[in-house]
Amino acid sequence: MAYDLEEQEKIDQLRAWWGNYGTAVLTFLVVLLLLVAGWRGWQWYEGHQANQARGYFEALEDATRQTGDESVARITAAATTLRSEFGKTDYAARGGLVAAAALQARGDLAAAQSQLEWIARSGHPALVPVAKLRLAGLLFEKADYDAALAQLQDAPPAFAGLFADRRGDILFAQGKQSEARAAWQQSIAALGPTSQLAPAIKLKLDALGS
């Protein structure tokens, strides 16, 4: 009989506890299930987006291997879709670089510049400095020297030597020989004497003379 009373006491305690905390426990479990479902749904969505973006990126690469006006239209269409619908994926920024190179090779500098400017604003940590360096080269080709130099500010450490080399090219084209020399010297210092680019930059310095 004592055992039955003890069991009844435990049941009463459990009922009391559930009465006080049951709703909170159920709420917690529901929220936890929703979070798990949301996380899995987000993973599926990101994977789906990446797969679709990869398809457009591959279509872009195929278009760059073609010739004629149709290839330009296909390059532009694929790059535009990547930017507008999959702009947060790596494929969008990578596709912009591929499209810019192809469009520049075909003489469409304005379209190439648009692609590079978008990447430069994208915030992609690895590709923004690449886009800025190439954009500076394109603007240099157009003789828009001030705009080109503006792209070469605040170089990340890994790109300091390349940015300085390009800055020297632009300054030399502007007739600023002493500033160009300083930029090329900075480039060699940043790249190091064993860099494959160092001999070419030294040739530029030698061409300036004393």
C-alpha atoms as a PDB file:
ATOM      1  CA  MET A   1       0.000   0.000   0.000  1.00  0.00           C
ATOM      2  CA  ALA A   2       2.907   2.352   0.760  1.00  0.00           C
ATOM      3  CA  TYR A   3       4.287   1.633  -2.698  1.00  0.00           C
ATOM      4  CA  ASP A   4       0.969   2.621  -4.313  1.00  0.00           C
ATOM      5  CA  LEU A   5       0.924   5.843  -2.350  1.00  0.00           C
ATOM      6  CA  GLU A   6       4.491   6.614  -3.408  1.00  0.00           C
ATOM      7  CA  GLU A   7       3.619   5.984  -7.049  1.00  0.00           C
ATOM      8  CA  GLN A   8       0.524   8.178  -6.768  1.00  0.00           C
ATOM      9  CA  GLU A   9       2.651  10.940  -5.265  1.00  0.00           C
ATOM     10  CA  LYS A  10       5.076  10.789  -8.191  1.00  0.00           C
ATOM     11  CA  ILE A  11       2.187  10.877 -10.666  1.00  0.00           C
ATOM     12  CA  ASP A  12       0.729  13.902  -8.898  1.00  0.00           C
ATOM     13  CA  GLN A  13       4.123  15.625  -8.972  1.00  0.00           C
ATOM     14  CA  LEU A  14       4.494  14.880 -12.684  1.00  0.00           C
ATOM     15  CA  ARG A  15       1.026  16.240 -13.385  1.00  0.00           C
ATOM     16  CA  ALA A  16       1.814  19.368 -11.424  1.00  0.00           C
ATOM     17  CA  TRP A  17       5.112  19.833 -13.242  1.00  0.00           C
ATOM     18  CA  TRP A  18       3.435  19.351 -16.630  1.00  0.00           C
ATOM     19  CA  GLY A  19       0.721  21.789 -15.665  1.00  0.00           C
ATOM     20  CA  ASN A  20       3.363  24.398 -14.934  1.00  0.00           C
ATOM     21  CA  TYR A  21       5.826  23.703 -17.748  1.00  0.00           C
ATOM     22  CA  GLY A  22       4.050  21.538 -20.331  1.00  0.00           C
ATOM     23  CA  THR A  23       3.087  24.424 -22.614  1.00  0.00           C
ATOM     24  CA  ALA A  24       6.637  25.796 -22.592  1.00  0.00           C
ATOM     25  CA  VAL A  25       8.074  22.368 -23.398  1.00  0.00           C
ATOM     26  CA  LEU A  26       5.676  21.890 -26.311  1.00  0.00           C
ATOM     27  CA  THR A  27       6.417  25.379 -27.582  1.00  0.00           C
ATOM     28  CA  PHE A  28      10.163  24.700 -27.418  1.00  0.00           C
ATOM     29  CA  LEU A  29       9.791  21.429 -29.329  1.00  0.00           C
ATOM     30  CA  VAL A  30       7.663  23.066 -32.023  1.00  0.00           C
ATOM     31  CA  VAL A  31      10.170  25.905 -32.436  1.00  0.00           C
ATOM     32  CA  LEU A  32      13.051  23.416 -32.587  1.00  0.00           C
ATOM     33  CA  LEU A  33      11.295  21.391 -35.292  1.00  0.00           C
ATOM     34  CA  LEU A  34      10.586  24.550 -37.274  1.00  0.00           C
ATOM     35  CA  LEU A  35      14.242  25.613 -37.030  1.00  0.00           C
ATOM     36  CA  VAL A  36      15.454  22.219 -38.213  1.00  0.00           C
ATOM     37  CA  ALA A  37      12.957  22.233 -41.075  1.00  0.00           C
ATOM     38  CA  GLY A  38      13.935  25.791 -42.007  1.00  0.00           C
ATOM     39  CA  TRP A  39      17.648  24.959 -41.936  1.00  0.00           C
ATOM     40  CA  ARG A  40      17.140  21.925 -44.164  1.00  0.00           C
ATOM     41  CA  GLY A  41      14.923  23.951 -46.468  1.00  0.00           C
ATOM     42  CA  TRP A  42      17.569  26.669 -46.735  1.00  0.00           C
ATOM     43  CA  GLN A  43      20.234  24.075 -47.515  1.00  0.00           C
ATOM     44  CA  TRP A  44      18.040  22.670 -50.275  1.00  0.00           C
ATOM     45  CA  TYR A  45      17.379  26.160 -51.633  1.00  0.00           C
ATOM     46  CA  GLU A  46      21.085  27.076 -51.694  1.00  0.00           C
ATOM     47  CA  GLY A  47      21.933  23.791 -53.406  1.00  0.00           C
ATOM     48  CA  HIS A  48      19.163  24.345 -55.942  1.00  0.00           C
ATOM     49  CA  GLN A  49      20.369  27.898 -56.612  1.00  0.00           C
ATOM     50  CA  ALA A  50      23.962  26.726 -57.010  1.00  0.00           C
ATOM     51  CA  ASN A  51      22.946  24.015 -59.473  1.00  0.00           C
ATOM     52  CA  GLN A  52      20.954  26.449 -61.582  1.00  0.00           C
ATOM     53  CA  ALA A  53      23.742  29.030 -61.449  1.00  0.00           C
ATOM     54  CA  ARG A  54      26.250  26.399 -62.552  1.00  0.00           C
ATOM     55  CA  GLY A  55      24.081  25.654 -65.582  1.00  0.00           C
ATOM     56  CA  TYR A  56      24.102  29.294 -66.667  1.00  0.00           C
ATOM     57  CA  PHE A  57      27.838  29.530 -65.977  1.00  0.00           C
ATOM     58  CA  GLU A  58      28.501  26.536 -68.209  1.00  0.00           C
ATOM     59  CA  ALA A  59      26.265  28.081 -70.892  1.00  0.00           C
ATOM     60  CA  LEU A  60      28.331  31.262 -70.598  1.00  0.00           C
ATOM     61  CA  GLU A  61      31.568  29.351 -71.046  1.00  0.00           C
ATOM     62  CA  ASP A  62      30.134  27.597 -74.109  1.00  0.00           C
ATOM     63  CA  ALA A  63      29.132  30.958 -75.575  1.00  0.00           C
ATOM     64  CA  THR A  64      32.662  32.340 -75.166  1.00  0.00           C
ATOM     65  CA  ARG A  65      33.955  29.541 -77.398  1.00  0.00           C
ATOM     66  CA  GLN A  66      31.671  30.621 -80.231  1.00  0.00           C
ATOM     67  CA  THR A  67      32.138  33.456 -82.700  1.00  0.00           C
ATOM     68  CA  GLY A  68      29.952  36.078 -84.289  1.00  0.00           C
ATOM     69  CA  ASP A  69      27.228  38.383 -83.025  1.00  0.00           C
ATOM     70  CA  GLU A  70      25.210  35.458 -81.687  1.00  0.00           C
ATOM     71  CA  SER A  71      27.985  34.605 -79.238  1.00  0.00           C
ATOM     72  CA  VAL A  72      27.936  38.160 -77.861  1.00  0.00           C
ATOM     73  CA  ALA A  73      24.181  37.949 -77.341  1.00  0.00           C
ATOM     74  CA  ARG A  74      24.494  34.602 -75.561  1.00  0.00           C
ATOM     75  CA  ILE A  75      27.358  35.817 -73.374  1.00  0.00           C
ATOM     76  CA  THR A  76      25.395  38.906 -72.387  1.00  0.00           C
ATOM     77  CA  ALA A  77      22.206  36.951 -71.715  1.00  0.00           C
ATOM     78  CA  ALA A  78      23.900  34.332 -69.523  1.00  0.00           C
ATOM     79  CA  ALA A  79      25.898  36.930 -67.587  1.00  0.00           C
ATOM     80  CA  THR A  80      22.804  39.077 -67.067  1.00  0.00           C
ATOM     81  CA  THR A  81      20.839  36.112 -65.703  1.00  0.00           C
ATOM     82  CA  LEU A  82      23.661  35.192 -63.340  1.00  0.00           C
ATOM     83  CA  ARG A  83      23.801  38.751 -62.021  1.00  0.00           C
ATOM     84  CA  SER A  84      20.054  39.291 -61.662  1.00  0.00           C
ATOM     85  CA  GLU A  85      18.916  35.885 -60.378  1.00  0.00           C
ATOM     86  CA  PHE A  86      22.017  34.344 -58.797  1.00  0.00           C
ATOM     87  CA  GLY A  87      24.002  37.405 -57.787  1.00  0.00           C
ATOM     88  CA  LYS A  88      24.934  36.007 -54.365  1.00  0.00           C
ATOM     89  CA  THR A  89      26.543  32.855 -55.742  1.00  0.00           C
ATOM     90  CA  ASP A  90      30.223  32.478 -56.641  1.00  0.00           C
ATOM     91  CA  TYR A  91      29.160  31.598 -60.172  1.00  0.00           C
ATOM     92  CA  ALA A  92      27.848  35.128 -60.728  1.00  0.00           C
ATOM     93  CA  ALA A  93      31.165  36.818 -59.936  1.00  0.00           C
ATOM     94  CA  ARG A  94      33.193  34.186 -61.789  1.00  0.00           C
ATOM     95  CA  GLY A  95      30.838  34.451 -64.728  1.00  0.00           C
ATOM     96  CA  GLY A  96      31.302  38.215 -64.753  1.00  0.00           C
ATOM     97  CA  LEU A  97      35.062  37.798 -65.133  1.00  0.00           C
ATOM     98  CA  VAL A  98      34.618  35.276 -67.945  1.00  0.00           C
ATOM     99  CA  ALA A  99      32.091  37.499 -69.708  1.00  0.00           C
ATOM    100  CA  ALA A 100      34.264  40.607 -69.309  1.00  0.00           C
ATOM    101  CA  ALA A 101      37.283  38.895 -70.865  1.00  0.00           C
ATOM    102  CA  ALA A 102      35.218  37.568 -73.774  1.00  0.00           C
ATOM    103  CA  LEU A 103      33.485  40.888 -74.420  1.00  0.00           C
ATOM    104  CA  GLN A 104      36.744  42.832 -74.238  1.00  0.00           C
ATOM    105  CA  ALA A 105      38.342  40.416 -76.698  1.00  0.00           C
ATOM    106  CA  ARG A 106      35.418  41.094 -79.042  1.00  0.00           C
ATOM    107  CA  GLY A 107      35.906  44.858 -78.763  1.00  0.00           C
ATOM    108  CA  ASP A 108      32.835  45.576 -76.636  1.00  0.00           C
ATOM    109  CA  LEU A 109      34.659  47.565 -73.980  1.00  0.00           C
ATOM    110  CA  ALA A 110      31.532  49.181 -72.534  1.00  0.00           C
ATOM    111  CA  ALA A 111      29.901  45.811 -71.832  1.00  0.00           C
ATOM    112  CA  ALA A 112      33.144  44.427 -70.395  1.00  0.00           C
ATOM    113  CA  GLN A 113      33.493  47.476 -68.170  1.00  0.00           C
ATOM    114  CA  SER A 114      29.940  46.997 -66.885  1.00  0.00           C
ATOM    115  CA  GLN A 115      30.704  43.416 -65.896  1.00  0.00           C
ATOM    116  CA  LEU A 116      33.893  44.369 -64.051  1.00  0.00           C
ATOM    117  CA  GLU A 117      32.249  47.298 -62.277  1.00  0.00           C
ATOM    118  CA  TRP A 118      29.523  44.989 -60.974  1.00  0.00           C
ATOM    119  CA  ILE A 119      32.081  42.521 -59.592  1.00  0.00           C
ATOM    120  CA  ALA A 120      34.056  45.374 -58.012  1.00  0.00           C
ATOM    121  CA  ARG A 121      30.889  46.336 -56.108  1.00  0.00           C
ATOM    122  CA  SER A 122      29.876  42.765 -55.291  1.00  0.00           C
ATOM    123  CA  GLY A 123      31.962  42.424 -52.142  1.00  0.00           C
ATOM    124  CA  HIS A 124      33.314  39.039 -53.232  1.00  0.00           C
ATOM    125  CA  PRO A 125      36.530  38.829 -51.146  1.00  0.00           C
ATOM    126  CA  ALA A 126      38.610  36.895 -53.687  1.00  0.00           C
ATOM    127  CA  LEU A 127      37.386  38.389 -56.951  1.00  0.00           C
ATOM    128  CA  VAL A 128      36.907  42.096 -56.160  1.00  0.00           C
ATOM    129  CA  PRO A 129      40.668  42.871 -56.377  1.00  0.00           C
ATOM    130  CA  VAL A 130      40.926  40.831 -59.585  1.00  0.00           C
ATOM    131  CA  ALA A 131      38.052  42.803 -61.091  1.00  0.00           C
ATOM    132  CA  LYS A 132      39.565  46.131 -60.007  1.00  0.00           C
ATOM    133  CA  LEU A 133      42.934  45.238 -61.512  1.00  0.00           C
ATOM    134  CA  ARG A 134      41.364  44.234 -64.803  1.00  0.00           C
ATOM    135  CA  LEU A 135      39.046  47.245 -64.766  1.00  0.00           C
ATOM    136  CA  ALA A 136      42.057  49.510 -64.307  1.00  0.00           C
ATOM    137  CA  GLY A 137      43.664  47.841 -67.332  1.00  0.00           C
ATOM    138  CA  LEU A 138      40.541  48.347 -69.426  1.00  0.00           C
ATOM    139  CA  LEU A 139      40.259  52.009 -68.445  1.00  0.00           C
ATOM    140  CA  PHE A 140      43.971  52.386 -69.154  1.00  0.00           C
ATOM    141  CA  GLU A 141      43.318  50.992 -72.626  1.00  0.00           C
ATOM    142  CA  LYS A 142      40.633  53.654 -73.059  1.00  0.00           C
ATOM    143  CA  ALA A 143      43.116  56.330 -71.856  1.00  0.00           C
ATOM    144  CA  ASP A 144      40.817  57.139 -68.918  1.00  0.00           C
ATOM    145  CA  TYR A 145      43.805  57.412 -66.631  1.00  0.00           C
ATOM    146  CA  ASP A 146      42.280  59.051 -63.584  1.00  0.00           C
ATOM    147  CA  ALA A 147      39.463  56.503 -63.434  1.00  0.00           C
ATOM    148  CA  ALA A 148      41.997  53.719 -63.860  1.00  0.00           C
ATOM    149  CA  LEU A 149      44.112  54.976 -60.963  1.00  0.00           C
ATOM    150  CA  ALA A 150      40.998  55.225 -58.779  1.00  0.00           C
ATOM    151  CA  GLN A 151      40.554  51.459 -59.079  1.00  0.00           C
ATOM    152  CA  LEU A 152      44.026  50.836 -57.672  1.00  0.00           C
ATOM    153  CA  GLN A 153      43.542  52.320 -54.214  1.00  0.00           C
ATOM    154  CA  ASP A 154      43.704  50.290 -50.989  1.00  0.00           C
ATOM    155  CA  ALA A 155      45.249  47.175 -52.500  1.00  0.00           C
ATOM    156  CA  PRO A 156      44.930  43.970 -50.481  1.00  0.00           C
ATOM    157  CA  PRO A 157      48.372  42.694 -49.405  1.00  0.00           C
ATOM    158  CA  ALA A 158      48.280  39.806 -51.887  1.00  0.00           C
ATOM    159  CA  PHE A 159      47.678  42.243 -54.753  1.00  0.00           C
ATOM    160  CA  ALA A 160      49.917  45.107 -53.643  1.00  0.00           C
ATOM    161  CA  GLY A 161      52.653  44.303 -56.155  1.00  0.00           C
ATOM    162  CA  LEU A 162      50.267  43.877 -59.094  1.00  0.00           C
ATOM    163  CA  PHE A 163      48.377  47.063 -58.254  1.00  0.00           C
ATOM    164  CA  ALA A 164      51.631  49.027 -57.993  1.00  0.00           C
ATOM    165  CA  ASP A 165      52.858  47.683 -61.337  1.00  0.00           C
ATOM    166  CA  ARG A 166      49.640  48.717 -63.077  1.00  0.00           C
ATOM    167  CA  ARG A 167      49.755  52.079 -61.349  1.00  0.00           C
ATOM    168  CA  GLY A 168      53.293  52.583 -62.695  1.00  0.00           C
ATOM    169  CA  ASP A 169      52.104  51.851 -66.244  1.00  0.00           C
ATOM    170  CA  ILE A 170      49.359  54.449 -65.968  1.00  0.00           C
ATOM    171  CA  LEU A 171      51.589  57.095 -64.411  1.00  0.00           C
ATOM    172  CA  PHE A 172      54.185  56.548 -67.125  1.00  0.00           C
ATOM    173  CA  ALA A 173      51.497  57.013 -69.793  1.00  0.00           C
ATOM    174  CA  GLN A 174      50.632  60.309 -68.099  1.00  0.00           C
ATOM    175  CA  GLY A 175      54.237  61.421 -68.387  1.00  0.00           C
ATOM    176  CA  LYS A 176      54.843  61.198 -64.642  1.00  0.00           C
ATOM    177  CA  GLN A 177      58.132  59.357 -64.819  1.00  0.00           C
ATOM    178  CA  SER A 178      59.326  59.860 -61.257  1.00  0.00           C
ATOM    179  CA  GLU A 179      55.985  58.666 -59.863  1.00  0.00           C
ATOM    180  CA  ALA A 180      55.999  55.719 -62.253  1.00  0.00           C
ATOM    181  CA  ARG A 181      59.501  54.767 -61.081  1.00  0.00           C
ATOM    182  CA  ALA A 182      58.368  54.875 -57.449  1.00  0.00           C
ATOM    183  CA  ALA A 183      55.344  52.698 -58.226  1.00  0.00           C
ATOM    184  CA  TRP A 184      57.431  50.089 -60.052  1.00  0.00           C
ATOM    185  CA  GLN A 185      59.958  50.039 -57.216  1.00  0.00           C
ATOM    186  CA  GLN A 186      57.098  49.461 -54.781  1.00  0.00           C
ATOM    187  CA  SER A 187      55.851  46.673 -57.035  1.00  0.00           C
ATOM    188  CA  ILE A 188      59.185  44.831 -57.006  1.00  0.00           C
ATOM    189  CA  ALA A 189      59.459  45.259 -53.232  1.00  0.00           C
ATOM    190  CA  ALA A 190      55.965  43.806 -52.755  1.00  0.00           C
ATOM    191  CA  LEU A 191      56.354  40.975 -55.271  1.00  0.00           C
ATOM    192  CA  GLY A 192      59.865  40.028 -54.219  1.00  0.00           C
ATOM    193  CA  PRO A 193      62.937  39.559 -56.428  1.00  0.00           C
ATOM    194  CA  THR A 194      62.052  35.939 -57.211  1.00  0.00           C
ATOM    195  CA  SER A 195      58.693  36.816 -58.721  1.00  0.00           C
ATOM    196  CA  GLN A 196      58.270  35.924 -62.392  1.00  0.00           C
ATOM    197  CA  LEU A 197      57.062  39.487 -62.989  1.00  0.00           C
ATOM    198  CA  ALA A 198      60.122  41.123 -61.412  1.00  0.00           C
ATOM    199  CA  PRO A 199      62.349  40.960 -64.550  1.00  0.00           C
ATOM    200  CA  ALA A 200      59.695  42.655 -66.704  1.00  0.00           C
ATOM    201  CA  ILE A 201      59.241  45.424 -64.152  1.00  0.00           C
ATOM    202  CA  LYS A 202      63.003  45.891 -63.908  1.00  0.00           C
ATOM    203  CA  LEU A 203      63.090  46.344 -67.679  1.00  0.00           C
ATOM    204  CA  LYS A 204      60.602  49.188 -67.313  1.00  0.00           C
ATOM    205  CA  LEU A 205      62.811  50.788 -64.682  1.00  0.00           C
ATOM    206  CA  ASP A 206      65.886  50.375 -66.858  1.00  0.00           C
ATOM    207  CA  ALA A 207      64.050  51.988 -69.759  1.00  0.00           C
ATOM    208  CA  LEU A 208      63.487  55.078 -67.612  1.00  0.00           C
ATOM    209  CA  GLY A 209      67.215  55.450 -67.104  1.00  0.00           C
ATOM    210  CA  SER A 210      68.598  57.457 -64.219  1.00  0.00           C
END
